[in-house]
PDB file of N, CA and C in Angstrom:
ATOM      1  N   MET A   1      -0.780 -20.846  -0.627  1.00  0.00           N
ATOM      2  CA  MET A   1      -1.458 -20.807   0.637  1.00  0.00           C
ATOM      3  C   MET A   1      -1.427 -19.374   1.181  1.00  0.00           C
ATOM      4  N   VAL A   2      -2.556 -18.925   1.691  1.00  0.00           N
ATOM      5  CA  VAL A   2      -2.634 -17.581   2.257  1.00  0.00           C
ATOM      6  C   VAL A   2      -2.009 -17.579   3.648  1.00  0.00           C
ATOM      7  N   GLU A   3      -1.121 -16.629   3.866  1.00  0.00           N
ATOM      8  CA  GLU A   3      -0.472 -16.465   5.162  1.00  0.00           C
ATOM      9  C   GLU A   3      -0.768 -15.064   5.678  1.00  0.00           C
ATOM     10  N   THR A   4      -0.507 -14.855   6.949  1.00  0.00           N
ATOM     11  CA  THR A   4      -0.743 -13.551   7.566  1.00  0.00           C
ATOM     12  C   THR A   4       0.555 -13.010   8.137  1.00  0.00           C
ATOM     13  N   ALA A   5       0.868 -11.773   7.793  1.00  0.00           N
ATOM     14  CA  ALA A   5       2.040 -11.082   8.342  1.00  0.00           C
ATOM     15  C   ALA A   5       1.564 -10.122   9.424  1.00  0.00           C
ATOM     16  N   VAL A   6       2.164 -10.226  10.601  1.00  0.00           N
ATOM     17  CA  VAL A   6       1.887  -9.300  11.694  1.00  0.00           C
ATOM     18  C   VAL A   6       2.914  -8.187  11.563  1.00  0.00           C
ATOM     19  N   LEU A   7       2.457  -6.948  11.324  1.00  0.00           N
ATOM     20  CA  LEU A   7       3.384  -5.882  10.962  1.00  0.00           C
ATOM     21  C   LEU A   7       3.676  -4.884  12.077  1.00  0.00           C
ATOM     22  N   CYS A   8       2.810  -3.935  12.323  1.00  0.00           N
ATOM     23  CA  CYS A   8       3.108  -2.867  13.271  1.00  0.00           C
ATOM     24  C   CYS A   8       1.811  -2.335  13.866  1.00  0.00           C
ATOM     25  N   PRO A   9       1.899  -1.587  14.953  1.00  0.00           N
ATOM     26  CA  PRO A   9       0.687  -0.976  15.506  1.00  0.00           C
ATOM     27  C   PRO A   9       0.097   0.074  14.559  1.00  0.00           C
ATOM     28  N   VAL A  10      -1.210   0.143  14.521  1.00  0.00           N
ATOM     29  CA  VAL A  10      -1.897   1.164  13.725  1.00  0.00           C
ATOM     30  C   VAL A  10      -1.405   2.549  14.127  1.00  0.00           C
ATOM     31  N   ALA A  11      -1.178   2.744  15.418  1.00  0.00           N
ATOM     32  CA  ALA A  11      -0.755   4.051  15.939  1.00  0.00           C
ATOM     33  C   ALA A  11       0.599   4.499  15.399  1.00  0.00           C
ATOM     34  N   ASP A  12       1.396   3.572  14.859  1.00  0.00           N
ATOM     35  CA  ASP A  12       2.715   3.925  14.309  1.00  0.00           C
ATOM     36  C   ASP A  12       2.626   4.641  12.965  1.00  0.00           C
ATOM     37  N   ILE A  13       1.470   4.579  12.321  1.00  0.00           N
ATOM     38  CA  ILE A  13       1.316   5.216  11.009  1.00  0.00           C
ATOM     39  C   ILE A  13       0.474   6.479  11.174  1.00  0.00           C
ATOM     40  N   PRO A  14       1.057   7.644  10.921  1.00  0.00           N
ATOM     41  CA  PRO A  14       0.292   8.889  11.039  1.00  0.00           C
ATOM     42  C   PRO A  14      -0.812   8.975   9.981  1.00  0.00           C
ATOM     43  N   GLU A  15      -1.881   9.623  10.327  1.00  0.00           N
ATOM     44  CA  GLU A  15      -2.998   9.845   9.399  1.00  0.00           C
ATOM     45  C   GLU A  15      -2.493  10.527   8.129  1.00  0.00           C
ATOM     46  N   GLY A  16      -2.925   9.999   6.965  1.00  0.00           N
ATOM     47  CA  GLY A  16      -2.563  10.591   5.684  1.00  0.00           C
ATOM     48  C   GLY A  16      -1.157  10.276   5.217  1.00  0.00           C
ATOM     49  N   GLU A  17      -0.505   9.317   5.866  1.00  0.00           N
ATOM     50  CA  GLU A  17       0.879   8.975   5.523  1.00  0.00           C
ATOM     51  C   GLU A  17       0.963   7.615   4.836  1.00  0.00           C
ATOM     52  N   ILE A  18       2.122   7.383   4.209  1.00  0.00           N
ATOM     53  CA  ILE A  18       2.444   6.112   3.554  1.00  0.00           C
ATOM     54  C   ILE A  18       3.683   5.557   4.239  1.00  0.00           C
ATOM     55  N   ARG A  19       3.680   4.249   4.498  1.00  0.00           N
ATOM     56  CA  ARG A  19       4.831   3.624   5.150  1.00  0.00           C
ATOM     57  C   ARG A  19       5.144   2.303   4.463  1.00  0.00           C
ATOM     58  N   ALA A  20       6.410   2.049   4.207  1.00  0.00           N
ATOM     59  CA  ALA A  20       6.839   0.775   3.631  1.00  0.00           C
ATOM     60  C   ALA A  20       6.979  -0.268   4.734  1.00  0.00           C
ATOM     61  N   GLU A  21       6.609  -1.493   4.420  1.00  0.00           N
ATOM     62  CA  GLU A  21       6.795  -2.634   5.313  1.00  0.00           C
ATOM     63  C   GLU A  21       7.207  -3.828   4.462  1.00  0.00           C
ATOM     64  N   PHE A  22       7.915  -4.756   5.070  1.00  0.00           N
ATOM     65  CA  PHE A  22       8.331  -5.975   4.388  1.00  0.00           C
ATOM     66  C   PHE A  22       7.475  -7.145   4.850  1.00  0.00           C
ATOM     67  N   LEU A  23       6.980  -7.926   3.890  1.00  0.00           N
ATOM     68  CA  LEU A  23       6.320  -9.178   4.218  1.00  0.00           C
ATOM     69  C   LEU A  23       7.398 -10.230   4.471  1.00  0.00           C
ATOM     70  N   PRO A  24       7.075 -11.316   5.173  1.00  0.00           N
ATOM     71  CA  PRO A  24       8.079 -12.347   5.446  1.00  0.00           C
ATOM     72  C   PRO A  24       8.722 -12.950   4.190  1.00  0.00           C
ATOM     73  N   ASN A  25       8.029 -12.891   3.036  1.00  0.00           N
ATOM     74  CA  ASN A  25       8.597 -13.430   1.794  1.00  0.00           C
ATOM     75  C   ASN A  25       9.509 -12.427   1.080  1.00  0.00           C
ATOM     76  N   GLY A  26       9.722 -11.243   1.705  1.00  0.00           N
ATOM     77  CA  GLY A  26      10.611 -10.236   1.134  1.00  0.00           C
ATOM     78  C   GLY A  26       9.920  -9.171   0.307  1.00  0.00           C
ATOM     79  N   THR A  27       8.637  -9.336   0.032  1.00  0.00           N
ATOM     80  CA  THR A  27       7.885  -8.353  -0.739  1.00  0.00           C
ATOM     81  C   THR A  27       7.746  -7.055   0.050  1.00  0.00           C
ATOM     82  N   VAL A  28       7.997  -5.937  -0.626  1.00  0.00           N
ATOM     83  CA  VAL A  28       7.802  -4.632   0.006  1.00  0.00           C
ATOM     84  C   VAL A  28       6.394  -4.157  -0.325  1.00  0.00           C
ATOM     85  N   ILE A  29       5.650  -3.783   0.701  1.00  0.00           N
ATOM     86  CA  ILE A  29       4.310  -3.247   0.493  1.00  0.00           C
ATOM     87  C   ILE A  29       4.240  -1.826   1.049  1.00  0.00           C
ATOM     88  N   ALA A  30       3.229  -1.099   0.618  1.00  0.00           N
ATOM     89  CA  ALA A  30       2.968   0.243   1.138  1.00  0.00           C
ATOM     90  C   ALA A  30       1.707   0.185   1.985  1.00  0.00           C
ATOM     91  N   LEU A  31       1.792   0.733   3.194  1.00  0.00           N
ATOM     92  CA  LEU A  31       0.629   0.868   4.065  1.00  0.00           C
ATOM     93  C   LEU A  31       0.191   2.321   4.058  1.00  0.00           C
ATOM     94  N   TYR A  32      -1.107   2.543   4.014  1.00  0.00           N
ATOM     95  CA  TYR A  32      -1.681   3.890   3.969  1.00  0.00           C
ATOM     96  C   TYR A  32      -2.694   4.015   5.099  1.00  0.00           C
ATOM     97  N   LYS A  33      -2.748   5.183   5.733  1.00  0.00           N
ATOM     98  CA  LYS A  33      -3.766   5.427   6.757  1.00  0.00           C
ATOM     99  C   LYS A  33      -4.624   6.608   6.319  1.00  0.00           C
ATOM    100  N   VAL A  34      -5.913   6.312   6.080  1.00  0.00           N
ATOM    101  CA  VAL A  34      -6.862   7.330   5.626  1.00  0.00           C
ATOM    102  C   VAL A  34      -8.125   7.226   6.483  1.00  0.00           C
ATOM    103  N   ASP A  35      -8.484   8.308   7.135  1.00  0.00           N
ATOM    104  CA  ASP A  35      -9.664   8.350   8.008  1.00  0.00           C
ATOM    105  C   ASP A  35      -9.635   7.232   9.046  1.00  0.00           C
ATOM    106  N   GLY A  36      -8.436   6.918   9.532  1.00  0.00           N
ATOM    107  CA  GLY A  36      -8.272   5.894  10.554  1.00  0.00           C
ATOM    108  C   GLY A  36      -8.216   4.478  10.026  1.00  0.00           C
ATOM    109  N   ASP A  37      -8.505   4.279   8.740  1.00  0.00           N
ATOM    110  CA  ASP A  37      -8.465   2.949   8.132  1.00  0.00           C
ATOM    111  C   ASP A  37      -7.102   2.703   7.495  1.00  0.00           C
ATOM    112  N   ILE A  38      -6.683   1.438   7.479  1.00  0.00           N
ATOM    113  CA  ILE A  38      -5.400   1.047   6.897  1.00  0.00           C
ATOM    114  C   ILE A  38      -5.646   0.289   5.596  1.00  0.00           C
ATOM    115  N   TYR A  39      -4.873   0.631   4.573  1.00  0.00           N
ATOM    116  CA  TYR A  39      -4.916  -0.035   3.270  1.00  0.00           C
ATOM    117  C   TYR A  39      -3.508  -0.495   2.934  1.00  0.00           C
ATOM    118  N   ALA A  40      -3.399  -1.552   2.119  1.00  0.00           N
ATOM    119  CA  ALA A  40      -2.088  -2.068   1.732  1.00  0.00           C
ATOM    120  C   ALA A  40      -2.066  -2.385   0.242  1.00  0.00           C
ATOM    121  N   THR A  41      -0.989  -1.938  -0.425  1.00  0.00           N
ATOM    122  CA  THR A  41      -0.772  -2.256  -1.838  1.00  0.00           C
ATOM    123  C   THR A  41       0.692  -2.637  -2.022  1.00  0.00           C
ATOM    124  N   GLU A  42       1.001  -3.160  -3.205  1.00  0.00           N
ATOM    125  CA  GLU A  42       2.413  -3.316  -3.522  1.00  0.00           C
ATOM    126  C   GLU A  42       3.039  -1.927  -3.500  1.00  0.00           C
ATOM    127  N   ASP A  43       4.339  -1.847  -3.245  1.00  0.00           N
ATOM    128  CA  ASP A  43       4.989  -0.550  -3.074  1.00  0.00           C
ATOM    129  C   ASP A  43       5.508   0.044  -4.379  1.00  0.00           C
ATOM    130  N   THR A  44       5.670  -0.760  -5.408  1.00  0.00           N
ATOM    131  CA  THR A  44       6.281  -0.279  -6.648  1.00  0.00           C
ATOM    132  C   THR A  44       5.226   0.096  -7.679  1.00  0.00           C
ATOM    133  N   CYS A  45       5.334   1.300  -8.218  1.00  0.00           N
ATOM    134  CA  CYS A  45       4.442   1.766  -9.278  1.00  0.00           C
ATOM    135  C   CYS A  45       4.504   0.786 -10.447  1.00  0.00           C
ATOM    136  N   THR A  46       3.361   0.478 -11.039  1.00  0.00           N
ATOM    137  CA  THR A  46       3.326  -0.465 -12.157  1.00  0.00           C
ATOM    138  C   THR A  46       3.798   0.150 -13.467  1.00  0.00           C
ATOM    139  N   HIS A  47       3.965   1.454 -13.514  1.00  0.00           N
ATOM    140  CA  HIS A  47       4.435   2.119 -14.725  1.00  0.00           C
ATOM    141  C   HIS A  47       5.953   2.234 -14.748  1.00  0.00           C
ATOM    142  N   GLY A  48       6.543   2.539 -13.610  1.00  0.00           N
ATOM    143  CA  GLY A  48       7.992   2.675 -13.497  1.00  0.00           C
ATOM    144  C   GLY A  48       8.450   1.909 -12.280  1.00  0.00           C
ATOM    145  N   ALA A  49       9.635   2.169 -11.849  1.00  0.00           N
ATOM    146  CA  ALA A  49      10.173   1.446 -10.698  1.00  0.00           C
ATOM    147  C   ALA A  49      10.141   2.283  -9.428  1.00  0.00           C
ATOM    148  N   ALA A  50       9.287   3.285  -9.378  1.00  0.00           N
ATOM    149  CA  ALA A  50       9.235   4.184  -8.222  1.00  0.00           C
ATOM    150  C   ALA A  50       8.610   3.492  -7.017  1.00  0.00           C
ATOM    151  N   SER A  51       9.168   3.756  -5.854  1.00  0.00           N
ATOM    152  CA  SER A  51       8.587   3.311  -4.596  1.00  0.00           C
ATOM    153  C   SER A  51       7.494   4.299  -4.207  1.00  0.00           C
ATOM    154  N   LEU A  52       6.282   3.800  -4.047  1.00  0.00           N
ATOM    155  CA  LEU A  52       5.181   4.690  -3.681  1.00  0.00           C
ATOM    156  C   LEU A  52       5.326   5.202  -2.252  1.00  0.00           C
ATOM    157  N   SER A  53       5.931   4.395  -1.376  1.00  0.00           N
ATOM    158  CA  SER A  53       6.115   4.857   0.005  1.00  0.00           C
ATOM    159  C   SER A  53       7.177   5.945   0.097  1.00  0.00           C
ATOM    160  N   GLU A  54       8.137   5.944  -0.825  1.00  0.00           N
ATOM    161  CA  GLU A  54       9.194   6.960  -0.817  1.00  0.00           C
ATOM    162  C   GLU A  54       8.862   8.149  -1.714  1.00  0.00           C
ATOM    163  N   ASP A  55       8.275   7.870  -2.879  1.00  0.00           N
ATOM    164  CA  ASP A  55       8.069   8.908  -3.890  1.00  0.00           C
ATOM    165  C   ASP A  55       6.606   9.241  -4.153  1.00  0.00           C
ATOM    166  N   GLY A  56       5.692   8.613  -3.422  1.00  0.00           N
ATOM    167  CA  GLY A  56       4.274   8.846  -3.660  1.00  0.00           C
ATOM    168  C   GLY A  56       3.694   9.917  -2.758  1.00  0.00           C
ATOM    169  N   THR A  57       2.566  10.463  -3.198  1.00  0.00           N
ATOM    170  CA  THR A  57       1.819  11.447  -2.421  1.00  0.00           C
ATOM    171  C   THR A  57       0.397  10.931  -2.258  1.00  0.00           C
ATOM    172  N   LEU A  58      -0.076  10.894  -1.029  1.00  0.00           N
ATOM    173  CA  LEU A  58      -1.419  10.408  -0.749  1.00  0.00           C
ATOM    174  C   LEU A  58      -2.399  11.574  -0.730  1.00  0.00           C
ATOM    175  N   LYS A  59      -3.435  11.470  -1.567  1.00  0.00           N
ATOM    176  CA  LYS A  59      -4.487  12.487  -1.647  1.00  0.00           C
ATOM    177  C   LYS A  59      -5.819  11.772  -1.455  1.00  0.00           C
ATOM    178  N   GLY A  60      -6.311  11.772  -0.233  1.00  0.00           N
ATOM    179  CA  GLY A  60      -7.503  10.985   0.068  1.00  0.00           C
ATOM    180  C   GLY A  60      -7.166   9.516  -0.082  1.00  0.00           C
ATOM    181  N   LYS A  61      -7.941   8.808  -0.896  1.00  0.00           N
ATOM    182  CA  LYS A  61      -7.694   7.381  -1.121  1.00  0.00           C
ATOM    183  C   LYS A  61      -7.005   7.123  -2.454  1.00  0.00           C
ATOM    184  N   VAL A  62      -6.268   8.127  -2.923  1.00  0.00           N
ATOM    185  CA  VAL A  62      -5.515   8.017  -4.173  1.00  0.00           C
ATOM    186  C   VAL A  62      -4.050   8.314  -3.888  1.00  0.00           C
ATOM    187  N   VAL A  63      -3.165   7.434  -4.385  1.00  0.00           N
ATOM    188  CA  VAL A  63      -1.731   7.687  -4.271  1.00  0.00           C
ATOM    189  C   VAL A  63      -1.222   8.105  -5.646  1.00  0.00           C
ATOM    190  N   GLU A  64      -0.450   9.190  -5.661  1.00  0.00           N
ATOM    191  CA  GLU A  64       0.124   9.696  -6.902  1.00  0.00           C
ATOM    192  C   GLU A  64       1.615   9.409  -6.905  1.00  0.00           C
ATOM    193  N   CYS A  65       2.090   8.802  -7.983  1.00  0.00           N
ATOM    194  CA  CYS A  65       3.517   8.540  -8.154  1.00  0.00           C
ATOM    195  C   CYS A  65       4.172   9.810  -8.693  1.00  0.00           C
ATOM    196  N   SER A  66       5.191  10.264  -8.018  1.00  0.00           N
ATOM    197  CA  SER A  66       5.817  11.532  -8.410  1.00  0.00           C
ATOM    198  C   SER A  66       6.666  11.421  -9.672  1.00  0.00           C
ATOM    199  N   TRP A  67       7.006  10.214 -10.091  1.00  0.00           N
ATOM    200  CA  TRP A  67       7.856  10.082 -11.274  1.00  0.00           C
ATOM    201  C   TRP A  67       7.155  10.573 -12.534  1.00  0.00           C
ATOM    202  N   HIS A  68       5.897  10.158 -12.737  1.00  0.00           N
ATOM    203  CA  HIS A  68       5.175  10.532 -13.959  1.00  0.00           C
ATOM    204  C   HIS A  68       3.744  10.974 -13.679  1.00  0.00           C
ATOM    205  N   ASN A  69       3.422  11.202 -12.411  1.00  0.00           N
ATOM    206  CA  ASN A  69       2.103  11.680 -11.978  1.00  0.00           C
ATOM    207  C   ASN A  69       0.954  10.711 -12.233  1.00  0.00           C
ATOM    208  N   GLY A  70       1.270   9.432 -12.381  1.00  0.00           N
ATOM    209  CA  GLY A  70       0.216   8.430 -12.467  1.00  0.00           C
ATOM    210  C   GLY A  70      -0.399   8.226 -11.094  1.00  0.00           C
ATOM    211  N   CYS A  71      -1.656   7.777 -11.060  1.00  0.00           N
ATOM    212  CA  CYS A  71      -2.369   7.628  -9.788  1.00  0.00           C
ATOM    213  C   CYS A  71      -3.033   6.260  -9.682  1.00  0.00           C
ATOM    214  N   PHE A  72      -3.228   5.841  -8.430  1.00  0.00           N
ATOM    215  CA  PHE A  72      -3.899   4.579  -8.132  1.00  0.00           C
ATOM    216  C   PHE A  72      -4.877   4.776  -6.982  1.00  0.00           C
ATOM    217  N   ASP A  73      -6.017   4.088  -7.062  1.00  0.00           N
ATOM    218  CA  ASP A  73      -6.971   4.029  -5.963  1.00  0.00           C
ATOM    219  C   ASP A  73      -6.435   2.989  -4.978  1.00  0.00           C
ATOM    220  N   ILE A  74      -6.138   3.381  -3.747  1.00  0.00           N
ATOM    221  CA  ILE A  74      -5.529   2.445  -2.795  1.00  0.00           C
ATOM    222  C   ILE A  74      -6.521   1.411  -2.277  1.00  0.00           C
ATOM    223  N   THR A  75      -7.819   1.629  -2.476  1.00  0.00           N
ATOM    224  CA  THR A  75      -8.804   0.657  -2.005  1.00  0.00           C
ATOM    225  C   THR A  75      -8.964  -0.512  -2.972  1.00  0.00           C
ATOM    226  N   THR A  76      -8.721  -0.259  -4.257  1.00  0.00           N
ATOM    227  CA  THR A  76      -8.900  -1.297  -5.282  1.00  0.00           C
ATOM    228  C   THR A  76      -7.614  -1.619  -6.034  1.00  0.00           C
ATOM    229  N   GLY A  77      -6.646  -0.707  -5.990  1.00  0.00           N
ATOM    230  CA  GLY A  77      -5.416  -0.848  -6.760  1.00  0.00           C
ATOM    231  C   GLY A  77      -5.534  -0.339  -8.184  1.00  0.00           C
ATOM    232  N   GLU A  78      -6.738  -0.003  -8.618  1.00  0.00           N
ATOM    233  CA  GLU A  78      -6.951   0.422 -10.002  1.00  0.00           C
ATOM    234  C   GLU A  78      -6.202   1.703 -10.340  1.00  0.00           C
ATOM    235  N   ALA A  79      -5.601   1.712 -11.544  1.00  0.00           N
ATOM    236  CA  ALA A  79      -4.945   2.919 -12.044  1.00  0.00           C
ATOM    237  C   ALA A  79      -6.033   3.934 -12.371  1.00  0.00           C
ATOM    238  N   CYS A  80      -5.819   5.195 -11.982  1.00  0.00           N
ATOM    239  CA  CYS A  80      -6.851   6.212 -12.221  1.00  0.00           C
ATOM    240  C   CYS A  80      -6.316   7.448 -12.929  1.00  0.00           C
ATOM    241  N   ALA A  81      -5.053   7.416 -13.370  1.00  0.00           N
ATOM    242  CA  ALA A  81      -4.506   8.524 -14.164  1.00  0.00           C
ATOM    243  C   ALA A  81      -3.331   8.017 -14.980  1.00  0.00           C
ATOM    244  N   SER A  82      -3.245   8.491 -16.210  1.00  0.00           N
ATOM    245  CA  SER A  82      -2.130   8.141 -17.100  1.00  0.00           C
ATOM    246  C   SER A  82      -0.836   8.698 -16.527  1.00  0.00           C
ATOM    247  N   PRO A  83       0.260   8.072 -16.816  1.00  0.00           N
ATOM    248  CA  PRO A  83       0.453   6.983 -17.768  1.00  0.00           C
ATOM    249  C   PRO A  83       0.219   5.591 -17.187  1.00  0.00           C
ATOM    250  N   CYS A  84      -0.226   5.492 -15.952  1.00  0.00           N
ATOM    251  CA  CYS A  84      -0.449   4.181 -15.340  1.00  0.00           C
ATOM    252  C   CYS A  84      -1.710   3.543 -15.908  1.00  0.00           C
ATOM    253  N   SER A  85      -1.607   2.268 -16.274  1.00  0.00           N
ATOM    254  CA  SER A  85      -2.771   1.555 -16.788  1.00  0.00           C
ATOM    255  C   SER A  85      -2.947   0.203 -16.102  1.00  0.00           C
ATOM    256  N   GLU A  86      -1.890  -0.327 -15.516  1.00  0.00           N
ATOM    257  CA  GLU A  86      -1.945  -1.612 -14.823  1.00  0.00           C
ATOM    258  C   GLU A  86      -2.190  -1.379 -13.335  1.00  0.00           C
ATOM    259  N   ALA A  87      -3.119  -2.126 -12.767  1.00  0.00           N
ATOM    260  CA  ALA A  87      -3.480  -1.966 -11.357  1.00  0.00           C
ATOM    261  C   ALA A  87      -2.353  -2.407 -10.427  1.00  0.00           C
ATOM    262  N   LEU A  88      -2.330  -1.811  -9.247  1.00  0.00           N
ATOM    263  CA  LEU A  88      -1.454  -2.261  -8.168  1.00  0.00           C
ATOM    264  C   LEU A  88      -2.092  -3.471  -7.506  1.00  0.00           C
ATOM    265  N   ARG A  89      -1.272  -4.360  -7.003  1.00  0.00           N
ATOM    266  CA  ARG A  89      -1.799  -5.456  -6.198  1.00  0.00           C
ATOM    267  C   ARG A  89      -2.186  -4.902  -4.831  1.00  0.00           C
ATOM    268  N   THR A  90      -3.346  -5.286  -4.340  1.00  0.00           N
ATOM    269  CA  THR A  90      -3.775  -4.892  -3.005  1.00  0.00           C
ATOM    270  C   THR A  90      -3.724  -6.110  -2.085  1.00  0.00           C
ATOM    271  N   TYR A  91      -3.661  -5.849  -0.796  1.00  0.00           N
ATOM    272  CA  TYR A  91      -3.579  -6.909   0.207  1.00  0.00           C
ATOM    273  C   TYR A  91      -4.660  -6.702   1.260  1.00  0.00           C
ATOM    274  N   PRO A  92      -5.365  -7.777   1.642  1.00  0.00           N
ATOM    275  CA  PRO A  92      -6.361  -7.656   2.708  1.00  0.00           C
ATOM    276  C   PRO A  92      -5.689  -7.297   4.036  1.00  0.00           C
ATOM    277  N   VAL A  93      -6.308  -6.368   4.754  1.00  0.00           N
ATOM    278  CA  VAL A  93      -5.783  -5.905   6.037  1.00  0.00           C
ATOM    279  C   VAL A  93      -6.789  -6.232   7.132  1.00  0.00           C
ATOM    280  N   LYS A  94      -6.286  -6.748   8.250  1.00  0.00           N
ATOM    281  CA  LYS A  94      -7.098  -6.963   9.446  1.00  0.00           C
ATOM    282  C   LYS A  94      -6.357  -6.318  10.608  1.00  0.00           C
ATOM    283  N   ILE A  95      -7.102  -5.668  11.483  1.00  0.00           N
ATOM    284  CA  ILE A  95      -6.516  -5.074  12.676  1.00  0.00           C
ATOM    285  C   ILE A  95      -6.870  -5.986  13.850  1.00  0.00           C
ATOM    286  N   VAL A  96      -5.851  -6.493  14.531  1.00  0.00           N
ATOM    287  CA  VAL A  96      -6.047  -7.391  15.666  1.00  0.00           C
ATOM    288  C   VAL A  96      -5.352  -6.782  16.878  1.00  0.00           C
ATOM    289  N   GLY A  97      -6.145  -6.364  17.845  1.00  0.00           N
ATOM    290  CA  GLY A  97      -5.569  -5.757  19.042  1.00  0.00           C
ATOM    291  C   GLY A  97      -4.740  -4.521  18.747  1.00  0.00           C
ATOM    292  N   GLY A  98      -5.165  -3.753  17.743  1.00  0.00           N
ATOM    293  CA  GLY A  98      -4.448  -2.532  17.378  1.00  0.00           C
ATOM    294  C   GLY A  98      -3.224  -2.751  16.509  1.00  0.00           C
ATOM    295  N   ILE A  99      -2.989  -4.004  16.096  1.00  0.00           N
ATOM    296  CA  ILE A  99      -1.828  -4.360  15.264  1.00  0.00           C
ATOM    297  C   ILE A  99      -2.296  -4.665  13.842  1.00  0.00           C
ATOM    298  N   ILE A 100      -1.546  -4.157  12.859  1.00  0.00           N
ATOM    299  CA  ILE A 100      -1.871  -4.374  11.450  1.00  0.00           C
ATOM    300  C   ILE A 100      -1.419  -5.764  11.024  1.00  0.00           C
ATOM    301  N   ASN A 101      -2.351  -6.541  10.495  1.00  0.00           N
ATOM    302  CA  ASN A 101      -2.083  -7.863   9.933  1.00  0.00           C
ATOM    303  C   ASN A 101      -2.446  -7.816   8.455  1.00  0.00           C
ATOM    304  N   VAL A 102      -1.569  -8.329   7.607  1.00  0.00           N
ATOM    305  CA  VAL A 102      -1.791  -8.315   6.162  1.00  0.00           C
ATOM    306  C   VAL A 102      -1.736  -9.744   5.639  1.00  0.00           C
ATOM    307  N   GLU A 103      -2.739 -10.110   4.838  1.00  0.00           N
ATOM    308  CA  GLU A 103      -2.762 -11.430   4.217  1.00  0.00           C
ATOM    309  C   GLU A 103      -2.029 -11.378   2.882  1.00  0.00           C
ATOM    310  N   TYR A 104      -1.265 -12.442   2.593  1.00  0.00           N
ATOM    311  CA  TYR A 104      -0.509 -12.514   1.346  1.00  0.00           C
ATOM    312  C   TYR A 104      -0.358 -13.973   0.946  1.00  0.00           C
ATOM    313  N   GLU A 105      -0.002 -14.191  -0.317  1.00  0.00           N
ATOM    314  CA  GLU A 105       0.231 -15.545  -0.812  1.00  0.00           C
ATOM    315  C   GLU A 105       1.615 -16.003  -0.379  1.00  0.00           C
ATOM    316  N   GLY A 106       1.655 -17.041   0.438  1.00  0.00           N
ATOM    317  CA  GLY A 106       2.933 -17.591   0.889  1.00  0.00           C
ATOM    318  C   GLY A 106       3.491 -18.562  -0.123  1.00  0.00           C
ATOM    319  N   SER A 107       4.598 -19.148   0.226  1.00  0.00           N
ATOM    320  CA  SER A 107       5.244 -20.086  -0.711  1.00  0.00           C
ATOM    321  C   SER A 107       4.745 -21.489  -0.561  1.00  0.00           C
TER     322      SER A 107
END
């Protein structure tokens, strides 16, 4: 069943930054703010165990993992540079009253 997590105000995330948040089921996700829009992906690189919110660099709509320089498109989750080949999971984002809401699969 799809559930919605109410996370934080959009204003809490600086432009061009990555922030980790926890979903109610314990999953850690990464939130990105690019051109005022918010995107959400899983926080762990699919190639290694690096946290993208801690070790990643955001370049436009691409996050680069600093461990091995693999990259992902944050809008689709698709890997866009080796050694990453498996896509990141993305999460639908809705802004309600200036608050970030993320949809996820509940239990």
